[in-house]
Amino acid sequence: MLVRRSLLVLALALMVVRCADQPTAVSSVRAPAAPQFLRWAGSGAPDFSAISPQIQKPHGRSQNLTPPLKLDSYQVSFWGVRGETRSVQINYASSIDDSTHPFLRLTTTDPQVVPGVGELAVGDSVLITVTIDTSKIGISLEPSGLQFGAPSQLQIWYGGAGGDLNGDGVVDSSDAEVERQLLGLWYGGDDGQQWSEVSASQDVGDKSFTYALPHFCEYAIAALLELAVSW
């Protein structure tokens, strides 16, 4: 009886040692991957300018309207017409090299359903507003929830990040890896909606994403980074 009890104590002791040797399951867990949004390079947002679609004037003349974007709004608006091609391009003056670069090009032909209004007839119009996000490389498109028959074409450039794509303040080979493997175009943010990546086409040489927009909301460039959380 004494021998059996001694063996039982020894077995329990060995079990305790083995459990202590194993890493605890809750000491470190990997949180779900989360988007890290690209930020504008420099101490503040660049200076933006907009080019509106060409508008035919009498006698066949045309003009490009280039309204300045106010510092308190960073917005530009134009009329989208169902059945007609309308577009806007936004450029920025870089604080890094003092040159002008493209930031956004949006082209619409088929705005179909306006929230709170209903379906548009061919030839009807809707006022479209593009608002630049100066805290990250992103935009808000309004009216939010506007739906298209034939998708709108959105091209957005991310060169304004200055090459720092992982947010560590240094431009190196790791940023190139992020650009090739982890960078993407994301949508969401509106009314607390969770951000999700879309299947946009990336041009690394041009540093841009092109996407066929089915509807309006918020869009931004982000890298999908995994975060390790310790407890």
Protein backbone atom coordinates (compact mmCIF):
# COMPACT_ATOMS: atom_id res chain seq x y z
CA MET A 1 0.00 0.00 0.00
CA LEU A 2 2.84 2.34 0.86
CA VAL A 3 4.61 1.52 -2.41
CA ARG A 4 1.46 2.14 -4.48
CA ARG A 5 0.90 5.52 -2.76
CA SER A 6 4.52 6.52 -3.38
CA LEU A 7 4.20 5.69 -7.06
CA LEU A 8 0.99 7.76 -7.31
CA VAL A 9 2.70 10.79 -5.75
CA LEU A 10 5.64 10.40 -8.13
CA ALA A 11 3.31 10.23 -11.17
CA LEU A 12 1.47 13.39 -10.10
CA ALA A 13 4.77 15.19 -9.61
CA LEU A 14 5.92 14.22 -13.11
CA MET A 15 2.62 15.48 -14.58
CA VAL A 16 3.10 18.84 -12.87
CA VAL A 17 6.65 19.13 -14.24
CA ARG A 18 5.52 18.29 -17.79
CA CYS A 19 2.66 20.84 -17.69
CA ALA A 20 5.02 23.52 -16.39
CA ASP A 21 7.40 22.82 -19.27
CA GLN A 22 4.65 23.50 -21.86
CA PRO A 23 3.93 27.10 -22.97
CA THR A 24 0.63 28.35 -21.63
CA ALA A 25 -2.03 28.70 -24.30
CA VAL A 26 -3.16 32.15 -23.13
CA SER A 27 0.23 33.79 -22.61
CA SER A 28 0.41 35.06 -26.18
CA VAL A 29 -2.24 34.98 -28.87
CA ARG A 30 -2.31 36.38 -32.36
CA ALA A 31 -5.09 38.86 -32.93
CA PRO A 32 -6.99 38.89 -36.22
CA ALA A 33 -5.23 40.73 -39.03
CA ALA A 34 -6.16 44.41 -39.09
CA PRO A 35 -5.66 47.05 -41.77
CA GLN A 36 -3.00 49.69 -41.09
CA PHE A 37 -3.90 52.74 -43.15
CA LEU A 38 -1.27 54.62 -45.12
CA ARG A 39 -0.56 58.16 -43.93
CA TRP A 40 0.41 61.18 -45.94
CA ALA A 41 4.13 61.87 -45.84
CA GLY A 42 5.30 65.08 -44.18
CA SER A 43 3.92 67.07 -41.29
CA GLY A 44 0.58 67.90 -42.91
CA ALA A 45 -1.73 67.15 -45.80
CA PRO A 46 -0.58 68.18 -49.31
CA ASP A 47 -2.20 70.95 -51.34
CA PHE A 48 -4.92 69.53 -53.59
CA SER A 49 -6.46 70.72 -56.85
CA ALA A 50 -9.26 69.27 -58.95
CA ILE A 51 -9.95 68.99 -62.67
CA SER A 52 -13.59 68.62 -63.58
CA PRO A 53 -14.95 66.89 -66.69
CA GLN A 54 -14.89 68.80 -69.94
CA ILE A 55 -18.12 70.68 -70.48
CA GLN A 56 -19.16 71.54 -74.01
CA LYS A 57 -19.93 75.22 -74.44
CA PRO A 58 -21.75 76.87 -77.35
CA HIS A 59 -19.95 76.88 -80.72
CA GLY A 60 -18.07 73.67 -79.83
CA ARG A 61 -15.74 75.26 -77.29
CA SER A 62 -14.87 73.39 -74.11
CA GLN A 63 -13.28 74.21 -70.81
CA ASN A 64 -11.67 72.54 -67.82
CA LEU A 65 -12.92 73.82 -64.50
CA THR A 66 -10.31 73.69 -61.74
CA PRO A 67 -11.95 74.81 -58.51
CA PRO A 68 -9.59 74.99 -55.53
CA LEU A 69 -10.21 72.62 -52.64
CA LYS A 70 -10.82 74.56 -49.46
CA LEU A 71 -8.62 73.74 -46.48
CA ASP A 72 -11.66 73.32 -44.23
CA SER A 73 -13.47 70.88 -46.53
CA TYR A 74 -11.07 69.15 -48.97
CA GLN A 75 -14.09 68.46 -51.16
CA VAL A 76 -15.00 68.63 -54.82
CA SER A 77 -18.43 67.98 -56.35
CA PHE A 78 -19.75 67.28 -59.83
CA TRP A 79 -23.01 66.10 -61.40
CA GLY A 80 -23.18 62.45 -62.30
CA VAL A 81 -25.66 61.79 -65.12
CA ARG A 82 -27.14 58.43 -65.95
CA GLY A 83 -26.13 57.51 -69.47
CA GLU A 84 -23.32 60.08 -69.72
CA THR A 85 -19.63 59.83 -68.84
CA ARG A 86 -18.63 62.28 -66.12
CA SER A 87 -15.35 62.35 -64.23
CA VAL A 88 -13.13 64.25 -61.85
CA GLN A 89 -9.41 64.07 -61.15
CA ILE A 90 -7.71 65.29 -57.98
CA ASN A 91 -3.98 66.08 -57.95
CA TYR A 92 -1.72 67.08 -55.07
CA ALA A 93 1.43 69.12 -54.68
CA SER A 94 3.89 66.99 -52.74
CA SER A 95 5.60 68.42 -49.67
CA ILE A 96 8.55 66.12 -50.44
CA ASP A 97 9.53 67.10 -53.96
CA ASP A 98 7.33 70.15 -54.71
CA SER A 99 5.90 68.38 -57.76
CA THR A 100 2.28 67.76 -58.74
CA HIS A 101 1.10 64.14 -58.70
CA PRO A 102 -2.23 62.41 -59.36
CA PHE A 103 -4.20 61.22 -56.35
CA LEU A 104 -7.64 60.21 -57.61
CA ARG A 105 -9.60 59.74 -60.80
CA LEU A 106 -13.32 58.90 -60.63
CA THR A 107 -15.46 58.24 -63.72
CA THR A 108 -19.20 57.53 -63.67
CA THR A 109 -21.61 56.62 -66.45
CA ASP A 110 -24.51 54.81 -64.79
CA PRO A 111 -25.61 56.13 -61.37
CA GLN A 112 -28.73 54.05 -60.90
CA VAL A 113 -30.22 54.15 -57.39
CA VAL A 114 -29.94 57.19 -55.09
CA PRO A 115 -30.59 56.54 -51.37
CA GLY A 116 -33.82 58.24 -50.30
CA VAL A 117 -34.70 59.13 -53.90
CA GLY A 118 -34.93 55.90 -55.85
CA GLU A 119 -33.95 54.87 -59.37
CA LEU A 120 -32.73 57.49 -61.80
CA ALA A 121 -34.06 57.68 -65.33
CA VAL A 122 -31.61 58.03 -68.21
CA GLY A 123 -30.53 61.67 -68.33
CA ASP A 124 -31.30 62.32 -64.65
CA SER A 125 -28.45 63.52 -62.44
CA VAL A 126 -27.13 63.21 -58.91
CA LEU A 127 -24.64 65.49 -57.15
CA ILE A 128 -21.49 63.48 -56.37
CA THR A 129 -19.06 64.71 -53.72
CA VAL A 130 -15.53 63.46 -53.11
CA THR A 131 -14.05 64.29 -49.70
CA ILE A 132 -10.34 63.71 -49.09
CA ASP A 133 -9.30 62.15 -45.79
CA THR A 134 -6.29 64.17 -44.61
CA SER A 135 -5.48 61.76 -41.74
CA LYS A 136 -4.89 58.81 -44.09
CA ILE A 137 -4.71 58.15 -47.82
CA GLY A 138 -8.41 57.72 -48.35
CA ILE A 139 -11.64 59.32 -49.53
CA SER A 140 -15.32 59.46 -48.76
CA LEU A 141 -17.77 59.28 -51.68
CA GLU A 142 -21.27 60.71 -51.39
CA PRO A 143 -24.13 60.20 -51.45
CA SER A 144 -23.16 57.19 -49.37
CA GLY A 145 -24.89 54.07 -50.66
CA LEU A 146 -25.32 55.38 -54.22
CA GLN A 147 -25.57 52.29 -56.44
CA PHE A 148 -24.47 51.88 -60.05
CA GLY A 149 -25.68 49.74 -62.92
CA ALA A 150 -22.39 49.73 -64.82
CA PRO A 151 -19.75 50.19 -62.09
CA SER A 152 -17.91 53.49 -61.75
CA GLN A 153 -14.14 53.45 -62.26
CA LEU A 154 -11.98 54.56 -59.36
CA GLN A 155 -8.21 54.94 -59.53
CA ILE A 156 -6.40 56.06 -56.39
CA TRP A 157 -2.64 56.61 -56.04
CA TYR A 158 -0.66 55.95 -52.85
CA GLY A 159 2.63 57.64 -53.73
CA GLY A 160 1.74 60.36 -51.23
CA ALA A 161 2.85 58.03 -48.43
CA GLY A 162 6.44 58.75 -49.47
CA GLY A 163 7.41 55.07 -49.51
CA ASP A 164 6.78 54.37 -45.81
CA LEU A 165 4.16 51.65 -46.16
CA ASN A 166 4.45 49.95 -42.78
CA GLY A 167 4.36 53.12 -40.68
CA ASP A 168 7.72 52.68 -38.95
CA GLY A 169 9.12 56.01 -40.19
CA VAL A 170 11.82 54.34 -42.30
CA VAL A 171 11.75 53.49 -46.01
CA ASP A 172 13.52 50.18 -46.57
CA SER A 173 13.16 46.73 -48.09
CA SER A 174 10.35 45.82 -45.70
CA ASP A 175 8.18 48.50 -47.31
CA ALA A 176 8.72 46.90 -50.71
CA GLU A 177 7.56 43.58 -49.25
CA VAL A 178 4.47 45.23 -47.79
CA GLU A 179 3.70 46.81 -51.16
CA ARG A 180 3.95 43.49 -53.01
CA GLN A 181 2.21 41.25 -50.51
CA LEU A 182 0.06 43.16 -48.02
CA LEU A 183 -1.13 46.44 -49.53
CA GLY A 184 -4.71 46.79 -50.74
CA LEU A 185 -7.75 48.99 -51.26
CA TRP A 186 -10.29 48.81 -48.43
CA TYR A 187 -13.83 50.06 -47.95
CA GLY A 188 -16.01 50.69 -44.91
CA GLY A 189 -15.84 53.04 -41.97
CA ASP A 190 -19.27 54.49 -42.64
CA ASP A 191 -21.67 54.27 -39.67
CA GLY A 192 -19.27 51.99 -37.80
CA GLN A 193 -19.06 49.49 -40.66
CA GLN A 194 -16.08 47.15 -40.43
CA TRP A 195 -13.37 47.72 -43.01
CA SER A 196 -13.02 45.07 -45.74
CA GLU A 197 -10.56 44.65 -48.60
CA VAL A 198 -11.82 44.77 -52.19
CA SER A 199 -10.45 43.03 -55.26
CA ALA A 200 -8.79 46.07 -56.82
CA SER A 201 -6.08 45.89 -59.47
CA GLN A 202 -2.68 47.13 -58.29
CA ASP A 203 -0.05 48.79 -60.47
CA VAL A 204 3.17 48.78 -58.43
CA GLY A 205 5.06 50.84 -60.99
CA ASP A 206 2.34 53.51 -61.02
CA LYS A 207 1.69 53.10 -57.27
CA SER A 208 -2.06 52.97 -57.70
CA PHE A 209 -5.14 50.78 -57.34
CA THR A 210 -8.00 50.64 -59.85
CA TYR A 211 -11.42 49.37 -58.85
CA ALA A 212 -14.86 49.04 -60.45
CA LEU A 213 -17.12 50.68 -57.86
CA PRO A 214 -20.56 49.09 -57.36
CA HIS A 215 -21.57 51.67 -54.74
CA PHE A 216 -20.33 54.66 -52.72
CA CYS A 217 -18.88 54.67 -49.21
CA GLU A 218 -15.40 55.29 -47.74
CA TYR A 219 -12.29 53.90 -49.41
CA ALA A 220 -8.67 53.91 -48.21
CA ILE A 221 -5.30 52.31 -48.91
CA ALA A 222 -4.11 50.00 -46.14
CA ALA A 223 -1.67 47.18 -45.43
CA LEU A 224 -2.98 43.99 -43.87
CA LEU A 225 -0.72 43.50 -40.85
CA GLU A 226 -1.05 40.82 -38.16
CA LEU A 227 -0.82 42.04 -34.59
CA ALA A 228 0.60 39.93 -31.73
CA VAL A 229 -1.14 40.58 -28.43
CA SER A 230 0.32 39.50 -25.08
CA TRP A 231 -1.85 38.90 -22.06
